[in-house]
Amino acid sequence: MRGDGPGRLQVVCGPMFAGKSEELLRRVRRARLAGLAVEVVNHAWDERHGAGQVASHAGLSIPSHSVTDVHSLADLGRETDLLAVDEAQFFGPDLVPVVEEIVLTGTTVVVAGLCVTFDGRPFEPLPSLMAVADDVVKLTAVCAVCGRDAPFHVRTLLGQVADATVPATEHVGGTESYEARCRLHLRSAGAGAALGRARPTP
């Protein structure tokens, strides 16, 4: 069902626990119901739910191709109506030109990933992908401290990764390693354990 023209680049981004993978899976299910040819890709570093699975924190999952670099994406995108890429931040800046080339062949690419690091900085390649995307959905989580909308997340484990902007296997984790935070409580990560789940009045 691929058209003669280029496909679309769609970006789903946000912090940890915002529902990015859930939204990606929703789009995959809709495309398959429409009879489209779909390929789903996840980075091989993410084995939290087993290899070859894209899974959401809500418990939804779907089989995927586990790849280690962007060069494998070009082949998967051929003759595919929709290419869905999860955990895009682990692929690094080289993902941007590869995705743009795939889109020009007529494939629509949906990319989901973190647009912000655990210390509140832009996390490439998502900011660059957002800049060149046809459409962007930016999701928020729920602040673990106060319940406000949370556009950020913090790492709660001791022994922080030296540079949060560099993709590394140490970044992979879930509720045991990270908490969603609003802007007000972004800098209080060190006090997170002491705060527990106290919910001050907004």
N, C-alpha and C. Protein backbone atom coordinates (compact mmCIF):
# COMPACT_ATOMS: atom_id res chain seq x y z
N MET A 1 0.81 -1.21 0.00
CA MET A 1 0.00 0.00 0.00
C MET A 1 0.85 1.27 0.00
N ARG A 2 2.15 1.09 -0.21
CA ARG A 2 3.03 2.25 -0.23
C ARG A 2 2.68 3.15 -1.40
N GLY A 3 2.67 4.46 -1.13
CA GLY A 3 2.38 5.41 -2.19
C GLY A 3 3.61 5.70 -3.04
N ASP A 4 3.42 6.51 -4.06
CA ASP A 4 4.53 6.87 -4.93
C ASP A 4 5.44 7.90 -4.28
N GLY A 5 4.92 8.71 -3.37
CA GLY A 5 5.71 9.76 -2.75
C GLY A 5 6.38 9.30 -1.47
N PRO A 6 7.00 10.22 -0.76
CA PRO A 6 7.66 9.87 0.50
C PRO A 6 6.67 9.49 1.58
N GLY A 7 7.17 8.77 2.57
CA GLY A 7 6.36 8.46 3.73
C GLY A 7 6.37 9.64 4.70
N ARG A 8 6.03 9.36 5.95
CA ARG A 8 6.00 10.40 6.98
C ARG A 8 6.91 9.98 8.12
N LEU A 9 7.50 10.99 8.76
CA LEU A 9 8.28 10.75 9.97
C LEU A 9 7.46 11.23 11.16
N GLN A 10 7.12 10.31 12.04
CA GLN A 10 6.32 10.62 13.22
C GLN A 10 7.15 10.32 14.47
N VAL A 11 7.17 11.26 15.40
CA VAL A 11 7.98 11.12 16.61
C VAL A 11 7.06 11.11 17.83
N VAL A 12 7.26 10.13 18.69
CA VAL A 12 6.58 10.05 19.99
C VAL A 12 7.66 10.13 21.05
N CYS A 13 7.61 11.17 21.88
CA CYS A 13 8.71 11.40 22.81
C CYS A 13 8.20 11.83 24.17
N GLY A 14 9.12 11.91 25.12
CA GLY A 14 8.79 12.31 26.47
C GLY A 14 9.77 11.69 27.45
N PRO A 15 9.48 11.77 28.75
CA PRO A 15 10.35 11.18 29.76
C PRO A 15 10.00 9.71 29.98
N MET A 16 10.66 9.09 30.94
CA MET A 16 10.30 7.74 31.36
C MET A 16 8.86 7.74 31.88
N PHE A 17 8.16 6.63 31.69
CA PHE A 17 6.83 6.39 32.24
C PHE A 17 5.74 7.27 31.63
N ALA A 18 5.98 7.83 30.44
CA ALA A 18 5.00 8.71 29.81
C ALA A 18 4.05 7.97 28.88
N GLY A 19 4.32 6.69 28.60
CA GLY A 19 3.47 5.94 27.69
C GLY A 19 3.92 5.97 26.24
N LYS A 20 5.22 6.21 26.00
CA LYS A 20 5.73 6.30 24.63
C LYS A 20 5.60 4.97 23.90
N SER A 21 6.05 3.89 24.54
CA SER A 21 5.96 2.57 23.90
C SER A 21 4.51 2.16 23.70
N GLU A 22 3.67 2.51 24.65
CA GLU A 22 2.24 2.20 24.53
C GLU A 22 1.63 2.89 23.31
N GLU A 23 2.00 4.15 23.07
CA GLU A 23 1.51 4.86 21.90
C GLU A 23 2.08 4.26 20.62
N LEU A 24 3.35 3.85 20.65
CA LEU A 24 3.95 3.20 19.48
C LEU A 24 3.20 1.91 19.16
N LEU A 25 2.91 1.11 20.18
CA LEU A 25 2.20 -0.15 19.98
C LEU A 25 0.78 0.09 19.46
N ARG A 26 0.14 1.15 19.92
CA ARG A 26 -1.19 1.49 19.42
C ARG A 26 -1.15 1.76 17.92
N ARG A 27 -0.16 2.49 17.48
CA ARG A 27 -0.05 2.80 16.05
C ARG A 27 0.27 1.56 15.24
N VAL A 28 1.07 0.67 15.80
CA VAL A 28 1.38 -0.59 15.12
C VAL A 28 0.12 -1.43 14.96
N ARG A 29 -0.67 -1.54 16.01
CA ARG A 29 -1.89 -2.34 15.94
C ARG A 29 -2.86 -1.77 14.89
N ARG A 30 -3.00 -0.44 14.87
CA ARG A 30 -3.90 0.19 13.90
C ARG A 30 -3.42 -0.07 12.47
N ALA A 31 -2.12 0.02 12.24
CA ALA A 31 -1.58 -0.21 10.90
C ALA A 31 -1.82 -1.65 10.45
N ARG A 32 -1.66 -2.57 11.36
CA ARG A 32 -1.90 -3.98 11.00
C ARG A 32 -3.36 -4.26 10.73
N LEU A 33 -4.25 -3.63 11.49
CA LEU A 33 -5.67 -3.77 11.24
C LEU A 33 -6.04 -3.24 9.86
N ALA A 34 -5.30 -2.23 9.40
CA ALA A 34 -5.54 -1.65 8.08
C ALA A 34 -4.89 -2.46 6.96
N GLY A 35 -4.22 -3.57 7.31
CA GLY A 35 -3.61 -4.41 6.31
C GLY A 35 -2.26 -3.94 5.82
N LEU A 36 -1.60 -3.05 6.57
CA LEU A 36 -0.29 -2.53 6.16
C LEU A 36 0.82 -3.48 6.57
N ALA A 37 1.91 -3.44 5.82
CA ALA A 37 3.11 -4.22 6.17
C ALA A 37 3.89 -3.44 7.22
N VAL A 38 4.12 -4.05 8.36
CA VAL A 38 4.71 -3.36 9.51
C VAL A 38 5.94 -4.13 10.01
N GLU A 39 6.98 -3.37 10.33
CA GLU A 39 8.15 -3.93 11.01
C GLU A 39 8.36 -3.13 12.30
N VAL A 40 8.67 -3.85 13.38
CA VAL A 40 8.90 -3.22 14.68
C VAL A 40 10.33 -3.50 15.11
N VAL A 41 11.02 -2.45 15.56
CA VAL A 41 12.44 -2.55 15.90
C VAL A 41 12.67 -1.99 17.30
N ASN A 42 13.52 -2.67 18.04
CA ASN A 42 13.95 -2.19 19.36
C ASN A 42 15.46 -2.34 19.43
N HIS A 43 16.11 -1.52 20.25
CA HIS A 43 17.55 -1.65 20.42
C HIS A 43 17.87 -2.88 21.26
N ALA A 44 18.93 -3.59 20.87
CA ALA A 44 19.29 -4.83 21.54
C ALA A 44 19.66 -4.63 23.01
N TRP A 45 20.02 -3.39 23.39
CA TRP A 45 20.35 -3.15 24.81
C TRP A 45 19.15 -3.35 25.72
N ASP A 46 17.96 -3.11 25.20
CA ASP A 46 16.77 -3.15 26.05
C ASP A 46 16.23 -4.58 26.11
N GLU A 47 16.60 -5.29 27.16
CA GLU A 47 16.13 -6.66 27.36
C GLU A 47 15.31 -6.77 28.63
N ARG A 48 14.71 -5.66 29.06
CA ARG A 48 13.94 -5.67 30.31
C ARG A 48 12.76 -6.62 30.25
N HIS A 49 12.21 -6.83 29.06
CA HIS A 49 11.06 -7.71 28.92
C HIS A 49 11.40 -8.92 28.05
N GLY A 50 12.69 -9.21 27.94
CA GLY A 50 13.15 -10.30 27.09
C GLY A 50 13.55 -9.79 25.72
N ALA A 51 14.48 -10.50 25.10
CA ALA A 51 14.95 -10.09 23.78
C ALA A 51 13.84 -10.23 22.76
N GLY A 52 13.84 -9.31 21.79
CA GLY A 52 12.85 -9.37 20.72
C GLY A 52 11.46 -8.98 21.14
N GLN A 53 11.35 -8.05 22.08
CA GLN A 53 10.04 -7.58 22.55
C GLN A 53 10.07 -6.07 22.72
N VAL A 54 9.05 -5.39 22.20
CA VAL A 54 8.77 -4.02 22.59
C VAL A 54 7.63 -4.09 23.58
N ALA A 55 7.85 -3.56 24.77
CA ALA A 55 6.85 -3.66 25.83
C ALA A 55 6.69 -2.32 26.52
N SER A 56 5.47 -2.07 26.98
CA SER A 56 5.20 -0.85 27.72
C SER A 56 5.19 -1.14 29.21
N HIS A 57 5.29 -0.08 30.03
CA HIS A 57 5.20 -0.24 31.47
C HIS A 57 3.81 -0.70 31.90
N ALA A 58 2.82 -0.54 31.01
CA ALA A 58 1.46 -0.97 31.31
C ALA A 58 1.26 -2.46 31.06
N GLY A 59 2.30 -3.13 30.53
CA GLY A 59 2.21 -4.57 30.33
C GLY A 59 1.90 -5.01 28.92
N LEU A 60 1.72 -4.08 27.98
CA LEU A 60 1.47 -4.43 26.59
C LEU A 60 2.80 -4.78 25.93
N SER A 61 2.78 -5.72 24.99
CA SER A 61 4.02 -6.09 24.32
C SER A 61 3.73 -6.60 22.92
N ILE A 62 4.77 -6.62 22.10
CA ILE A 62 4.66 -7.09 20.73
C ILE A 62 6.05 -7.56 20.29
N PRO A 63 6.14 -8.63 19.48
CA PRO A 63 7.45 -9.08 19.00
C PRO A 63 8.14 -8.00 18.17
N SER A 64 9.46 -7.98 18.24
CA SER A 64 10.22 -6.97 17.49
C SER A 64 11.55 -7.55 17.05
N HIS A 65 12.20 -6.82 16.14
CA HIS A 65 13.57 -7.13 15.77
C HIS A 65 14.50 -6.39 16.73
N SER A 66 15.43 -7.10 17.36
CA SER A 66 16.43 -6.46 18.21
C SER A 66 17.67 -6.20 17.38
N VAL A 67 18.05 -4.92 17.24
CA VAL A 67 19.21 -4.57 16.44
C VAL A 67 20.18 -3.73 17.27
N THR A 68 21.41 -3.72 16.86
CA THR A 68 22.45 -3.03 17.63
C THR A 68 22.86 -1.70 17.04
N ASP A 69 22.51 -1.44 15.76
CA ASP A 69 22.93 -0.19 15.14
C ASP A 69 21.93 0.22 14.06
N VAL A 70 22.11 1.42 13.56
CA VAL A 70 21.15 1.97 12.60
C VAL A 70 21.24 1.33 11.22
N HIS A 71 22.36 0.68 10.92
CA HIS A 71 22.54 0.14 9.57
C HIS A 71 21.54 -0.98 9.27
N SER A 72 21.07 -1.66 10.31
CA SER A 72 20.09 -2.73 10.11
C SER A 72 18.71 -2.19 9.76
N LEU A 73 18.45 -0.91 10.07
CA LEU A 73 17.11 -0.35 9.86
C LEU A 73 16.78 -0.17 8.39
N ALA A 74 17.76 0.17 7.59
CA ALA A 74 17.50 0.43 6.18
C ALA A 74 16.92 -0.80 5.49
N ASP A 75 17.47 -1.97 5.77
CA ASP A 75 16.97 -3.21 5.16
C ASP A 75 15.55 -3.51 5.64
N LEU A 76 15.29 -3.29 6.94
CA LEU A 76 13.97 -3.59 7.48
C LEU A 76 12.91 -2.64 6.92
N GLY A 77 13.34 -1.43 6.54
CA GLY A 77 12.39 -0.45 6.04
C GLY A 77 11.98 -0.66 4.60
N ARG A 78 12.69 -1.53 3.87
CA ARG A 78 12.38 -1.76 2.47
C ARG A 78 11.05 -2.50 2.32
N GLU A 79 10.24 -2.03 1.39
CA GLU A 79 8.96 -2.67 1.09
C GLU A 79 8.07 -2.79 2.33
N THR A 80 8.23 -1.87 3.27
CA THR A 80 7.43 -1.84 4.48
C THR A 80 6.61 -0.56 4.49
N ASP A 81 5.34 -0.68 4.86
CA ASP A 81 4.50 0.51 4.94
C ASP A 81 4.80 1.33 6.19
N LEU A 82 5.07 0.63 7.31
CA LEU A 82 5.32 1.31 8.57
C LEU A 82 6.49 0.65 9.28
N LEU A 83 7.48 1.45 9.62
CA LEU A 83 8.61 0.99 10.43
C LEU A 83 8.52 1.68 11.78
N ALA A 84 8.37 0.89 12.84
CA ALA A 84 8.24 1.43 14.20
C ALA A 84 9.52 1.17 14.96
N VAL A 85 10.13 2.24 15.48
CA VAL A 85 11.42 2.15 16.18
C VAL A 85 11.24 2.60 17.62
N ASP A 86 11.48 1.70 18.58
CA ASP A 86 11.36 2.05 19.99
C ASP A 86 12.74 2.26 20.60
N GLU A 87 12.78 2.99 21.73
CA GLU A 87 14.04 3.30 22.43
C GLU A 87 15.05 3.94 21.48
N ALA A 88 14.58 4.92 20.73
CA ALA A 88 15.40 5.53 19.68
C ALA A 88 16.65 6.21 20.22
N GLN A 89 16.62 6.65 21.49
CA GLN A 89 17.78 7.36 22.04
C GLN A 89 19.03 6.50 22.04
N PHE A 90 18.88 5.17 22.07
CA PHE A 90 20.05 4.30 22.12
C PHE A 90 20.76 4.19 20.77
N PHE A 91 20.10 4.61 19.69
CA PHE A 91 20.71 4.50 18.36
C PHE A 91 21.65 5.66 18.04
N GLY A 92 21.59 6.74 18.81
CA GLY A 92 22.50 7.85 18.61
C GLY A 92 22.17 8.72 17.42
N PRO A 93 22.98 9.78 17.21
CA PRO A 93 22.69 10.77 16.15
C PRO A 93 22.64 10.20 14.74
N ASP A 94 23.30 9.06 14.49
CA ASP A 94 23.28 8.48 13.14
C ASP A 94 21.90 8.02 12.73
N LEU A 95 20.98 7.93 13.67
CA LEU A 95 19.62 7.51 13.34
C LEU A 95 18.92 8.53 12.43
N VAL A 96 19.25 9.80 12.59
CA VAL A 96 18.52 10.86 11.88
C VAL A 96 18.63 10.71 10.36
N PRO A 97 19.84 10.68 9.76
CA PRO A 97 19.90 10.56 8.30
C PRO A 97 19.36 9.24 7.78
N VAL A 98 19.52 8.16 8.56
CA VAL A 98 19.02 6.86 8.11
C VAL A 98 17.50 6.88 8.04
N VAL A 99 16.86 7.42 9.06
CA VAL A 99 15.40 7.51 9.07
C VAL A 99 14.91 8.39 7.93
N GLU A 100 15.58 9.50 7.69
CA GLU A 100 15.15 10.39 6.60
C GLU A 100 15.24 9.69 5.25
N GLU A 101 16.25 8.87 5.05
CA GLU A 101 16.38 8.12 3.80
C GLU A 101 15.26 7.11 3.65
N ILE A 102 14.92 6.43 4.74
CA ILE A 102 13.85 5.44 4.70
C ILE A 102 12.52 6.10 4.36
N VAL A 103 12.25 7.25 4.95
CA VAL A 103 11.01 7.97 4.69
C VAL A 103 10.91 8.35 3.21
N LEU A 104 12.02 8.73 2.60
CA LEU A 104 12.00 9.11 1.19
C LEU A 104 11.65 7.95 0.27
N THR A 105 11.84 6.70 0.72
CA THR A 105 11.50 5.54 -0.09
C THR A 105 9.99 5.25 -0.07
N GLY A 106 9.23 5.96 0.77
CA GLY A 106 7.79 5.75 0.84
C GLY A 106 7.31 5.10 2.11
N THR A 107 8.23 4.75 3.01
CA THR A 107 7.86 4.13 4.28
C THR A 107 7.59 5.20 5.32
N THR A 108 6.51 5.04 6.08
CA THR A 108 6.27 5.90 7.24
C THR A 108 7.05 5.32 8.42
N VAL A 109 7.78 6.16 9.10
CA VAL A 109 8.59 5.74 10.25
C VAL A 109 8.05 6.40 11.51
N VAL A 110 7.72 5.59 12.50
CA VAL A 110 7.32 6.08 13.81
C VAL A 110 8.46 5.80 14.77
N VAL A 111 8.98 6.85 15.38
CA VAL A 111 10.11 6.73 16.29
C VAL A 111 9.65 7.13 17.69
N ALA A 112 9.94 6.29 18.67
CA ALA A 112 9.60 6.59 20.06
C ALA A 112 10.86 6.56 20.91
N GLY A 113 10.98 7.52 21.82
CA GLY A 113 12.17 7.53 22.68
C GLY A 113 12.20 8.71 23.62
N LEU A 114 13.24 8.72 24.43
CA LEU A 114 13.43 9.79 25.41
C LEU A 114 13.99 11.02 24.73
N CYS A 115 13.36 12.17 24.94
CA CYS A 115 13.88 13.42 24.40
C CYS A 115 14.65 14.20 25.46
N VAL A 116 14.73 13.67 26.68
CA VAL A 116 15.41 14.35 27.78
C VAL A 116 16.17 13.32 28.61
N THR A 117 17.35 13.70 29.07
CA THR A 117 18.16 12.81 29.90
C THR A 117 17.66 12.85 31.34
N PHE A 118 18.23 11.97 32.18
CA PHE A 118 17.79 11.93 33.58
C PHE A 118 18.30 13.11 34.40
N ASP A 119 19.08 13.99 33.80
CA ASP A 119 19.45 15.22 34.49
C ASP A 119 18.90 16.45 33.76
N GLY A 120 17.86 16.24 32.95
CA GLY A 120 17.11 17.35 32.39
C GLY A 120 17.69 18.01 31.16
N ARG A 121 18.57 17.32 30.42
CA ARG A 121 19.15 17.89 29.21
C ARG A 121 18.55 17.23 27.96
N PRO A 122 18.59 17.92 26.80
CA PRO A 122 18.13 17.29 25.56
C PRO A 122 18.91 16.02 25.28
N PHE A 123 18.21 14.98 24.85
CA PHE A 123 18.82 13.67 24.62
C PHE A 123 18.73 13.36 23.13
N GLU A 124 19.83 13.57 22.41
CA GLU A 124 19.85 13.24 20.99
C GLU A 124 19.77 11.72 20.80
N PRO A 125 19.15 11.27 19.70
CA PRO A 125 18.77 12.05 18.51
C PRO A 125 17.34 12.58 18.51
N LEU A 126 16.60 12.42 19.62
CA LEU A 126 15.19 12.80 19.58
C LEU A 126 14.96 14.28 19.26
N PRO A 127 15.71 15.23 19.86
CA PRO A 127 15.48 16.64 19.50
C PRO A 127 15.67 16.91 18.01
N SER A 128 16.67 16.29 17.40
CA SER A 128 16.88 16.48 15.96
C SER A 128 15.77 15.82 15.15
N LEU A 129 15.32 14.66 15.57
CA LEU A 129 14.21 14.00 14.87
C LEU A 129 12.93 14.82 14.98
N MET A 130 12.70 15.41 16.16
CA MET A 130 11.52 16.25 16.35
C MET A 130 11.55 17.44 15.39
N ALA A 131 12.75 17.96 15.13
CA ALA A 131 12.88 19.15 14.27
C ALA A 131 12.52 18.86 12.82
N VAL A 132 12.76 17.63 12.36
CA VAL A 132 12.53 17.30 10.95
C VAL A 132 11.30 16.41 10.75
N ALA A 133 10.56 16.13 11.82
CA ALA A 133 9.40 15.24 11.74
C ALA A 133 8.20 15.90 11.08
N ASP A 134 7.34 15.09 10.49
CA ASP A 134 6.06 15.58 9.97
C ASP A 134 5.10 15.88 11.11
N ASP A 135 5.14 15.08 12.17
CA ASP A 135 4.35 15.38 13.36
C ASP A 135 5.02 14.81 14.59
N VAL A 136 4.79 15.47 15.71
CA VAL A 136 5.42 15.12 16.98
C VAL A 136 4.35 15.04 18.06
N VAL A 137 4.39 13.97 18.86
CA VAL A 137 3.56 13.85 20.05
C VAL A 137 4.51 13.81 21.24
N LYS A 138 4.43 14.83 22.09
CA LYS A 138 5.26 14.87 23.29
C LYS A 138 4.39 14.57 24.50
N LEU A 139 4.69 13.46 25.16
CA LEU A 139 3.90 12.98 26.29
C LEU A 139 4.55 13.37 27.61
N THR A 140 3.76 13.40 28.67
CA THR A 140 4.29 13.62 30.01
C THR A 140 3.89 12.45 30.90
N ALA A 141 4.66 12.27 31.97
CA ALA A 141 4.35 11.27 32.98
C ALA A 141 3.70 11.96 34.18
N VAL A 142 3.67 11.29 35.32
CA VAL A 142 3.11 11.85 36.55
C VAL A 142 4.24 11.97 37.57
N CYS A 143 4.45 13.16 38.11
CA CYS A 143 5.54 13.38 39.06
C CYS A 143 5.39 12.46 40.26
N ALA A 144 6.47 11.74 40.61
CA ALA A 144 6.45 10.81 41.73
C ALA A 144 6.40 11.52 43.07
N VAL A 145 6.67 12.84 43.08
CA VAL A 145 6.68 13.59 44.34
C VAL A 145 5.34 14.26 44.60
N CYS A 146 4.79 14.93 43.57
CA CYS A 146 3.60 15.75 43.81
C CYS A 146 2.40 15.42 42.93
N GLY A 147 2.58 14.60 41.90
CA GLY A 147 1.46 14.25 41.04
C GLY A 147 1.20 15.19 39.89
N ARG A 148 2.01 16.25 39.74
CA ARG A 148 1.86 17.14 38.59
C ARG A 148 2.29 16.43 37.31
N ASP A 149 1.97 17.05 36.16
CA ASP A 149 2.52 16.57 34.90
C ASP A 149 4.04 16.59 34.99
N ALA A 150 4.67 15.54 34.51
CA ALA A 150 6.12 15.40 34.63
C ALA A 150 6.76 15.28 33.25
N PRO A 151 7.41 16.33 32.75
CA PRO A 151 8.12 16.24 31.49
C PRO A 151 9.55 15.73 31.65
N PHE A 152 9.95 15.38 32.87
CA PHE A 152 11.32 14.94 33.16
C PHE A 152 11.30 13.62 33.94
N HIS A 153 12.48 13.03 34.09
CA HIS A 153 12.66 11.88 34.97
C HIS A 153 14.05 11.99 35.58
N VAL A 154 14.26 11.33 36.71
CA VAL A 154 15.56 11.36 37.37
C VAL A 154 16.01 9.93 37.66
N ARG A 155 17.31 9.76 37.73
CA ARG A 155 17.88 8.46 38.09
C ARG A 155 18.01 8.41 39.61
N THR A 156 17.45 7.40 40.23
CA THR A 156 17.43 7.31 41.69
C THR A 156 18.51 6.40 42.26
N LEU A 157 19.17 5.62 41.40
CA LEU A 157 20.22 4.73 41.88
C LEU A 157 21.51 5.51 42.14
N LEU A 158 22.27 5.06 43.12
CA LEU A 158 23.59 5.64 43.35
C LEU A 158 24.52 5.20 42.23
N GLY A 159 25.63 5.93 42.08
CA GLY A 159 26.59 5.60 41.03
C GLY A 159 26.10 6.02 39.66
N GLN A 160 25.78 7.30 39.53
CA GLN A 160 25.22 7.82 38.29
C GLN A 160 26.18 7.63 37.11
N VAL A 161 25.60 7.43 35.92
CA VAL A 161 26.40 7.38 34.70
C VAL A 161 27.07 8.74 34.52
N ALA A 162 28.33 8.73 34.12
CA ALA A 162 29.11 9.97 34.07
C ALA A 162 28.46 11.03 33.18
N ASP A 163 28.03 10.66 31.99
CA ASP A 163 27.44 11.62 31.07
C ASP A 163 26.09 11.09 30.59
N ALA A 164 25.03 11.72 31.05
CA ALA A 164 23.68 11.24 30.75
C ALA A 164 23.31 11.40 29.28
N THR A 165 24.06 12.22 28.52
CA THR A 165 23.72 12.43 27.11
C THR A 165 24.31 11.35 26.21
N VAL A 166 25.19 10.50 26.74
CA VAL A 166 25.81 9.44 25.96
C VAL A 166 25.04 8.14 26.17
N PRO A 167 24.47 7.56 25.11
CA PRO A 167 23.75 6.30 25.27
C PRO A 167 24.66 5.21 25.85
N ALA A 168 24.16 4.48 26.83
CA ALA A 168 24.93 3.43 27.48
C ALA A 168 23.99 2.38 28.04
N THR A 169 24.48 1.15 28.16
CA THR A 169 23.64 0.08 28.69
C THR A 169 23.20 0.39 30.12
N GLU A 170 24.00 1.19 30.84
CA GLU A 170 23.64 1.54 32.22
C GLU A 170 22.38 2.39 32.30
N HIS A 171 21.98 2.99 31.17
CA HIS A 171 20.78 3.82 31.16
C HIS A 171 19.50 3.00 31.16
N VAL A 172 19.60 1.72 30.78
CA VAL A 172 18.41 0.89 30.69
C VAL A 172 17.88 0.61 32.09
N GLY A 173 16.59 0.83 32.31
CA GLY A 173 16.01 0.56 33.62
C GLY A 173 14.55 0.94 33.67
N GLY A 174 13.94 0.70 34.81
CA GLY A 174 12.53 1.01 34.99
C GLY A 174 12.30 1.67 36.33
N THR A 175 11.25 1.26 37.03
CA THR A 175 10.89 1.90 38.29
C THR A 175 11.94 1.69 39.38
N GLU A 176 12.77 0.67 39.21
CA GLU A 176 13.83 0.45 40.20
C GLU A 176 14.97 1.46 40.06
N SER A 177 15.03 2.16 38.93
CA SER A 177 16.15 3.06 38.65
C SER A 177 15.75 4.50 38.44
N TYR A 178 14.50 4.76 38.08
CA TYR A 178 14.09 6.10 37.67
C TYR A 178 12.75 6.50 38.31
N GLU A 179 12.54 7.81 38.41
CA GLU A 179 11.26 8.38 38.82
C GLU A 179 10.93 9.54 37.90
N ALA A 180 9.66 9.68 37.57
CA ALA A 180 9.21 10.84 36.81
C ALA A 180 9.15 12.05 37.72
N ARG A 181 9.48 13.22 37.19
CA ARG A 181 9.48 14.45 37.99
C ARG A 181 8.93 15.62 37.19
N CYS A 182 8.23 16.51 37.88
CA CYS A 182 7.84 17.80 37.30
C CYS A 182 9.06 18.72 37.34
N ARG A 183 8.94 19.89 36.77
CA ARG A 183 10.07 20.83 36.75
C ARG A 183 10.48 21.25 38.16
N LEU A 184 9.47 21.44 39.04
CA LEU A 184 9.75 21.87 40.40
C LEU A 184 10.60 20.86 41.16
N HIS A 185 10.35 19.58 40.95
CA HIS A 185 11.04 18.54 41.71
C HIS A 185 12.14 17.83 40.93
N LEU A 186 12.50 18.39 39.77
CA LEU A 186 13.56 17.79 38.96
C LEU A 186 14.87 17.72 39.70
N ARG A 187 15.20 18.78 40.46
CA ARG A 187 16.51 18.87 41.11
C ARG A 187 16.54 18.23 42.49
N SER A 188 15.45 17.63 42.93
CA SER A 188 15.42 17.05 44.27
C SER A 188 15.61 15.54 44.25
N ALA A 189 16.31 15.05 43.23
CA ALA A 189 16.48 13.60 43.10
C ALA A 189 17.17 13.00 44.30
N GLY A 190 18.15 13.73 44.84
CA GLY A 190 18.88 13.20 45.98
C GLY A 190 18.02 13.03 47.21
N ALA A 191 16.94 13.82 47.28
CA ALA A 191 16.05 13.75 48.42
C ALA A 191 14.87 12.82 48.18
N GLY A 192 14.85 12.15 47.01
CA GLY A 192 13.70 11.33 46.66
C GLY A 192 13.41 10.24 47.65
N ALA A 193 14.45 9.57 48.14
CA ALA A 193 14.22 8.47 49.06
C ALA A 193 13.62 8.96 50.36
N ALA A 194 14.09 10.14 50.83
CA ALA A 194 13.57 10.67 52.08
C ALA A 194 12.14 11.16 51.94
N LEU A 195 11.81 11.67 50.73
CA LEU A 195 10.46 12.17 50.50
C LEU A 195 9.44 11.03 50.41
N GLY A 196 9.92 9.84 50.00
CA GLY A 196 9.01 8.74 49.81
C GLY A 196 7.94 9.09 48.80
N ARG A 197 6.70 8.87 49.14
CA ARG A 197 5.60 9.21 48.25
C ARG A 197 4.77 10.34 48.83
N ALA A 198 5.41 11.21 49.63
CA ALA A 198 4.68 12.34 50.16
C ALA A 198 4.17 13.20 49.04
N ARG A 199 3.00 13.75 49.16
CA ARG A 199 2.39 14.53 48.10
C ARG A 199 2.03 15.90 48.63
N PRO A 200 2.99 16.86 48.57
CA PRO A 200 2.68 18.20 49.04
C PRO A 200 1.60 18.83 48.19
N THR A 201 0.90 19.78 48.76
CA THR A 201 -0.15 20.48 48.03
C THR A 201 0.43 21.26 46.88
N PRO A 202 -0.07 21.08 45.63
CA PRO A 202 0.48 21.81 44.48
C PRO A 202 0.38 23.31 44.64
